[in-house]
Amino acid sequence: MEELEAPPQNTSQTLKDLTSGACGGIAQVLIGQPFDIVKVRLQTTTQYKSALDCATQIWKNEGPIAFYKGTLTPLIGIGACVSIQFGGFHFARRAFESTNTKHHPTTPGLSYTQYYLAGAFGGLANSVISGPIEHVRIRLQTQPHGAAARLYAGPLDCVRKLSSQAGVLRGLYRGEAVTVLREAQAYGVWFLAFEWLMNGDAARNRVRRDEVPTWKVALYGGLAGEALWLGSYPLDVVKSKMQCDGFGQAQRYASMRDCFGQTWRGEGVRGFWKGIGPTLLRAMPVSAGTFAV
């Protein structure tokens, strides 16, 4: 198997990739957080009849601000996360282009398999920080409401308690194996879908990619977001279940495999798709905003 050649260093391009990713990430959090808390509640509990019932109960019992529970952690970290996603993707893309140019000088463009692998590389790189960030967010989103009942005073308190209960790897990084799988699959599909739609539009209309109108870029970004979740949602359900699980005697899932097994036996196929409705509603505007920014 041939090794990929490292792409030529281009600091300004890398900084541009990272900056655009950070701006897109902030838009992603602010637009999508209310949908996300509904998704997580549906994935991890059985007390709600539907997404609408969940949203109604959150509004009635916890107030509108509750829809932004756990926002601070992803808002601080999302810039880094999306920057790594885009930076990793473009690094891998340029590496593939460099190798393709060497062997196929007249057609150095990426195959769609290579687009998927480049996106998966960005997802793998991102999983190192997205795992603990999402773990803390999920803990804050699912903790009991009210000052007397809540388990964590805030993100830093949550990090401290998770680390003290089971150590950094087993506590803060709980669910990291399934996070790695989800990130690779999700962002492989995300970038693949976006590139396929953009390339198809440019070919049909005989224009350069940078001449595709912004509204179309946003539309294709939104559709790529739908593909991302449809291609990775069962992994996300398992991740959420593991990251809101208890510790010690209260721990329900011994491993990722055990969580898959218990979900299948207890809820069947539907258990892996709980909360997909609000997730798809969230995906279109969030992903559109990320690519259009």
Protein backbone atom coordinates (compact mmCIF):
# COMPACT_ATOMS: atom_id res chain seq x y z
CA MET A 1 0.00 0.00 0.00
CA GLU A 2 1.46 3.35 -1.04
CA GLU A 3 1.95 6.04 1.52
CA LEU A 4 0.31 9.40 1.06
CA GLU A 5 2.71 12.23 0.51
CA ALA A 6 2.47 15.09 2.97
CA PRO A 7 1.02 18.16 1.22
CA PRO A 8 3.15 21.27 0.84
CA GLN A 9 2.97 23.52 3.91
CA ASN A 10 0.70 26.52 3.42
CA THR A 11 0.28 28.35 6.72
CA SER A 12 -2.10 31.03 5.43
CA GLN A 13 -4.41 28.42 3.90
CA THR A 14 -4.39 26.37 7.09
CA LEU A 15 -5.23 29.44 9.17
CA LYS A 16 -8.05 30.27 6.76
CA ASP A 17 -9.42 26.72 7.09
CA LEU A 18 -9.25 26.92 10.90
CA THR A 19 -10.84 30.38 11.11
CA SER A 20 -13.73 29.55 8.80
CA GLY A 21 -14.29 26.37 10.77
CA ALA A 22 -14.41 28.29 14.06
CA CYS A 23 -16.97 30.80 12.75
CA GLY A 24 -19.09 28.00 11.37
CA GLY A 25 -18.90 26.16 14.68
CA ILE A 26 -20.22 29.09 16.71
CA ALA A 27 -23.16 29.41 14.31
CA GLN A 28 -23.71 25.67 14.67
CA VAL A 29 -24.07 25.83 18.47
CA LEU A 30 -26.29 28.91 18.66
CA ILE A 31 -28.69 27.61 16.01
CA GLY A 32 -28.79 24.01 17.10
CA GLN A 33 -28.63 23.86 20.89
CA PRO A 34 -32.43 23.91 21.57
CA PHE A 35 -32.87 20.99 19.15
CA ASP A 36 -29.94 19.16 20.70
CA ILE A 37 -31.28 19.09 24.24
CA VAL A 38 -34.56 17.62 22.96
CA LYS A 39 -32.57 14.99 21.03
CA VAL A 40 -30.49 14.01 24.07
CA ARG A 41 -33.52 13.83 26.40
CA LEU A 42 -35.34 11.55 23.93
CA GLN A 43 -32.26 9.35 23.50
CA THR A 44 -31.61 8.86 27.20
CA THR A 45 -35.05 8.75 28.87
CA THR A 46 -38.51 7.31 28.27
CA GLN A 47 -40.55 10.02 30.01
CA TYR A 48 -41.52 11.89 26.84
CA LYS A 49 -44.13 10.80 24.31
CA SER A 50 -42.60 12.74 21.41
CA ALA A 51 -40.21 15.54 20.51
CA LEU A 52 -43.04 18.08 20.86
CA ASP A 53 -43.97 16.70 24.28
CA CYS A 54 -40.33 16.90 25.34
CA ALA A 55 -39.97 20.51 24.19
CA THR A 56 -43.26 21.46 25.85
CA GLN A 57 -42.28 19.91 29.18
CA ILE A 58 -38.87 21.56 29.14
CA TRP A 59 -40.50 24.95 28.50
CA LYS A 60 -43.21 24.41 31.13
CA ASN A 61 -41.11 22.87 33.90
CA GLU A 62 -37.68 24.43 33.38
CA GLY A 63 -38.29 27.60 31.38
CA PRO A 64 -36.99 28.75 27.99
CA ILE A 65 -33.40 29.21 29.21
CA ALA A 66 -33.27 25.46 29.83
CA PHE A 67 -33.02 24.89 26.08
CA TYR A 68 -29.51 26.29 26.34
CA LYS A 69 -28.38 24.09 29.23
CA GLY A 70 -24.82 22.95 28.68
CA THR A 71 -24.21 25.53 25.95
CA LEU A 72 -21.08 27.08 27.43
CA THR A 73 -18.91 24.00 26.98
CA PRO A 74 -19.64 23.42 23.27
CA LEU A 75 -19.63 27.17 22.60
CA ILE A 76 -16.09 27.40 23.96
CA GLY A 77 -14.99 24.16 22.34
CA ILE A 78 -16.94 24.17 19.06
CA GLY A 79 -14.57 26.61 17.41
CA ALA A 80 -11.73 24.20 18.04
CA CYS A 81 -13.87 21.19 17.06
CA VAL A 82 -15.06 22.53 13.71
CA SER A 83 -11.64 24.02 13.01
CA ILE A 84 -10.11 20.58 13.49
CA GLN A 85 -12.81 18.97 11.34
CA PHE A 86 -12.19 21.34 8.44
CA GLY A 87 -8.45 21.57 9.02
CA GLY A 88 -8.11 17.77 9.15
CA PHE A 89 -10.29 17.32 6.06
CA HIS A 90 -8.35 19.84 3.99
CA PHE A 91 -4.99 18.46 5.16
CA ALA A 92 -6.01 14.97 4.07
CA ARG A 93 -7.54 16.33 0.85
CA ARG A 94 -4.29 18.08 -0.09
CA ALA A 95 -2.34 14.91 0.74
CA PHE A 96 -4.56 12.91 -1.61
CA GLU A 97 -4.23 15.58 -4.30
CA SER A 98 -0.45 15.51 -3.97
CA THR A 99 -0.39 11.72 -4.36
CA ASN A 100 -2.91 11.80 -7.22
CA THR A 101 -0.87 14.44 -9.06
CA LYS A 102 2.18 12.21 -8.88
CA HIS A 103 0.42 9.20 -10.38
CA HIS A 104 -2.30 10.87 -12.50
CA PRO A 105 -1.01 14.35 -13.47
CA THR A 106 -3.94 15.09 -15.78
CA THR A 107 -6.66 14.13 -13.26
CA PRO A 108 -5.43 14.90 -9.74
CA GLY A 109 -8.90 15.36 -8.29
CA LEU A 110 -10.12 13.17 -5.43
CA SER A 111 -12.31 10.12 -5.86
CA TYR A 112 -15.39 10.04 -3.67
CA THR A 113 -13.80 7.29 -1.60
CA GLN A 114 -10.95 9.70 -0.93
CA TYR A 115 -13.40 12.47 0.00
CA TYR A 116 -14.96 10.10 2.54
CA LEU A 117 -11.57 9.12 3.96
CA ALA A 118 -10.49 12.77 4.20
CA GLY A 119 -13.67 13.60 6.10
CA ALA A 120 -13.22 10.57 8.35
CA PHE A 121 -9.67 11.75 9.11
CA GLY A 122 -11.06 15.13 10.19
CA GLY A 123 -13.59 13.35 12.39
CA LEU A 124 -10.97 11.12 13.99
CA ALA A 125 -8.77 14.12 14.79
CA ASN A 126 -11.76 15.93 16.24
CA SER A 127 -12.83 13.05 18.51
CA VAL A 128 -9.96 13.75 20.91
CA ILE A 129 -11.65 16.94 22.11
CA SER A 130 -15.26 16.37 21.04
CA GLY A 131 -15.58 13.31 23.32
CA PRO A 132 -15.13 15.10 26.66
CA ILE A 133 -16.86 18.28 25.43
CA GLU A 134 -19.99 16.38 24.47
CA HIS A 135 -19.83 14.26 27.62
CA VAL A 136 -19.93 17.37 29.81
CA ARG A 137 -22.71 18.90 27.69
CA ILE A 138 -24.84 15.77 27.98
CA ARG A 139 -24.34 15.59 31.76
CA LEU A 140 -25.49 19.20 32.12
CA GLN A 141 -28.45 18.69 29.76
CA THR A 142 -29.76 15.63 31.59
CA GLN A 143 -29.14 16.52 35.23
CA PRO A 144 -32.19 17.16 37.48
CA HIS A 145 -33.65 20.66 37.34
CA GLY A 146 -33.41 23.01 40.29
CA ALA A 147 -30.55 24.24 42.45
CA ALA A 148 -31.18 21.67 45.19
CA ALA A 149 -31.33 18.67 42.84
CA ARG A 150 -28.69 19.41 40.26
CA LEU A 151 -25.52 17.35 40.28
CA TYR A 152 -23.13 19.83 38.72
CA ALA A 153 -22.75 23.55 39.37
CA GLY A 154 -21.32 24.14 35.90
CA PRO A 155 -18.91 22.79 33.26
CA LEU A 156 -15.76 22.97 35.41
CA ASP A 157 -17.51 21.32 38.35
CA CYS A 158 -18.73 18.60 35.99
CA VAL A 159 -15.20 17.98 34.65
CA ARG A 160 -13.84 17.80 38.18
CA LYS A 161 -16.49 15.36 39.41
CA LEU A 162 -16.32 13.09 36.35
CA SER A 163 -12.53 12.90 36.64
CA SER A 164 -12.63 12.25 40.39
CA GLN A 165 -15.26 9.51 40.12
CA ALA A 166 -13.50 7.31 37.56
CA GLY A 167 -10.35 9.08 36.42
CA VAL A 168 -9.84 11.02 33.22
CA LEU A 169 -9.97 8.08 30.80
CA ARG A 170 -12.87 6.15 32.34
CA GLY A 171 -14.66 9.22 33.65
CA LEU A 172 -14.25 12.28 31.46
CA TYR A 173 -13.54 10.19 28.35
CA ARG A 174 -16.34 7.70 28.89
CA GLY A 175 -17.84 6.60 25.56
CA GLU A 176 -14.74 7.61 23.60
CA ALA A 177 -14.62 4.39 21.53
CA VAL A 178 -18.10 4.93 20.11
CA THR A 179 -17.34 8.65 19.77
CA VAL A 180 -14.38 7.82 17.52
CA LEU A 181 -16.57 5.55 15.37
CA ARG A 182 -19.34 8.13 15.17
CA GLU A 183 -16.99 11.01 14.30
CA ALA A 184 -15.24 9.08 11.53
CA GLN A 185 -18.49 7.86 9.95
CA ALA A 186 -20.38 11.13 10.43
CA TYR A 187 -17.77 13.46 8.97
CA GLY A 188 -16.80 11.04 6.24
CA VAL A 189 -20.42 11.09 5.07
CA TRP A 190 -20.75 14.88 5.70
CA PHE A 191 -17.87 15.96 3.51
CA LEU A 192 -18.56 13.27 0.91
CA ALA A 193 -22.18 14.41 0.49
CA PHE A 194 -21.24 18.10 0.32
CA GLU A 195 -18.47 17.55 -2.23
CA TRP A 196 -20.71 15.33 -4.37
CA LEU A 197 -23.47 17.96 -4.44
CA MET A 198 -21.08 20.84 -5.12
CA ASN A 199 -19.19 19.00 -7.86
CA GLY A 200 -22.44 17.92 -9.47
CA ASP A 201 -23.78 21.47 -9.53
CA ALA A 202 -20.55 22.87 -10.97
CA ALA A 203 -20.50 20.20 -13.69
CA ARG A 204 -24.17 20.65 -14.62
CA ASN A 205 -23.90 24.43 -14.89
CA ARG A 206 -20.35 24.46 -16.29
CA VAL A 207 -19.05 26.84 -13.65
CA ARG A 208 -16.18 26.81 -11.19
CA ARG A 209 -17.01 25.74 -7.65
CA ASP A 210 -16.35 29.24 -6.33
CA GLU A 211 -19.02 30.52 -8.72
CA VAL A 212 -21.77 28.39 -7.13
CA PRO A 213 -24.21 30.84 -5.45
CA THR A 214 -24.09 31.12 -1.65
CA TRP A 215 -27.69 29.98 -1.30
CA LYS A 216 -26.81 26.76 -3.08
CA VAL A 217 -23.73 26.26 -0.90
CA ALA A 218 -26.00 26.62 2.14
CA LEU A 219 -28.57 24.22 0.66
CA TYR A 220 -25.95 21.59 -0.11
CA GLY A 221 -24.44 22.06 3.33
CA GLY A 222 -27.86 21.49 4.87
CA LEU A 223 -28.46 18.34 2.84
CA ALA A 224 -25.02 17.08 3.82
CA GLY A 225 -26.04 17.60 7.45
CA GLU A 226 -29.08 15.38 6.92
CA ALA A 227 -26.82 12.70 5.41
CA LEU A 228 -24.39 13.02 8.34
CA TRP A 229 -27.04 12.11 10.91
CA LEU A 230 -28.79 9.45 8.83
CA GLY A 231 -25.43 7.76 8.40
CA SER A 232 -24.32 7.85 12.04
CA TYR A 233 -27.34 8.25 14.32
CA PRO A 234 -27.37 4.79 15.98
CA LEU A 235 -23.77 5.39 17.10
CA ASP A 236 -24.81 8.74 18.56
CA VAL A 237 -27.64 7.13 20.54
CA VAL A 238 -25.22 4.66 22.12
CA LYS A 239 -22.78 7.47 22.88
CA SER A 240 -25.47 9.52 24.64
CA LYS A 241 -26.65 6.54 26.68
CA MET A 242 -23.11 5.77 27.84
CA GLN A 243 -22.31 9.40 28.64
CA CYS A 244 -25.30 9.89 30.93
CA ASP A 245 -24.89 6.51 32.63
CA GLY A 246 -24.13 6.31 36.35
CA PHE A 247 -20.91 5.28 38.07
CA GLY A 248 -20.17 2.34 40.37
CA GLN A 249 -23.29 0.44 41.40
CA ALA A 250 -25.43 2.85 39.36
CA GLN A 251 -23.62 2.03 36.10
CA ARG A 252 -25.92 0.28 33.64
CA TYR A 253 -23.69 -0.27 30.61
CA ALA A 254 -20.41 -2.15 30.97
CA SER A 255 -19.16 -1.28 27.48
CA MET A 256 -20.14 0.03 24.06
CA ARG A 257 -21.04 -3.51 22.98
CA ASP A 258 -23.16 -4.01 26.08
CA CYS A 259 -25.00 -0.75 25.42
CA PHE A 260 -25.75 -1.81 21.83
CA GLY A 261 -27.00 -5.17 23.12
CA GLN A 262 -29.22 -3.75 25.85
CA THR A 263 -30.71 -1.17 23.52
CA TRP A 264 -31.47 -3.83 20.90
CA ARG A 265 -33.03 -6.24 23.41
CA GLY A 266 -35.00 -3.60 25.27
CA GLU A 267 -36.12 -1.25 22.50
CA GLY A 268 -35.44 -2.96 19.17
CA VAL A 269 -34.49 -1.05 16.03
CA ARG A 270 -36.55 1.96 17.11
CA GLY A 271 -34.32 2.42 20.12
CA PHE A 272 -31.43 3.40 17.85
CA TRP A 273 -33.48 6.13 16.16
CA LYS A 274 -35.13 7.86 19.11
CA GLY A 275 -34.88 11.62 18.68
CA ILE A 276 -34.07 11.50 14.96
CA GLY A 277 -36.91 13.96 14.16
CA PRO A 278 -35.56 17.02 16.01
CA THR A 279 -32.05 16.01 14.99
CA LEU A 280 -32.91 16.23 11.29
CA LEU A 281 -34.76 19.52 11.86
CA ARG A 282 -31.63 20.84 13.55
CA ALA A 283 -29.23 19.45 10.97
CA MET A 284 -30.43 21.48 7.98
CA PRO A 285 -30.00 25.02 9.39
CA VAL A 286 -26.92 24.15 11.47
CA SER A 287 -25.02 22.47 8.65
CA ALA A 288 -26.15 25.06 6.11
CA GLY A 289 -24.85 27.83 8.37
CA THR A 290 -21.55 26.02 8.92
CA PHE A 291 -20.74 25.75 5.21
CA ALA A 292 -22.17 29.14 4.26
CA VAL A 293 -20.26 31.15 6.89
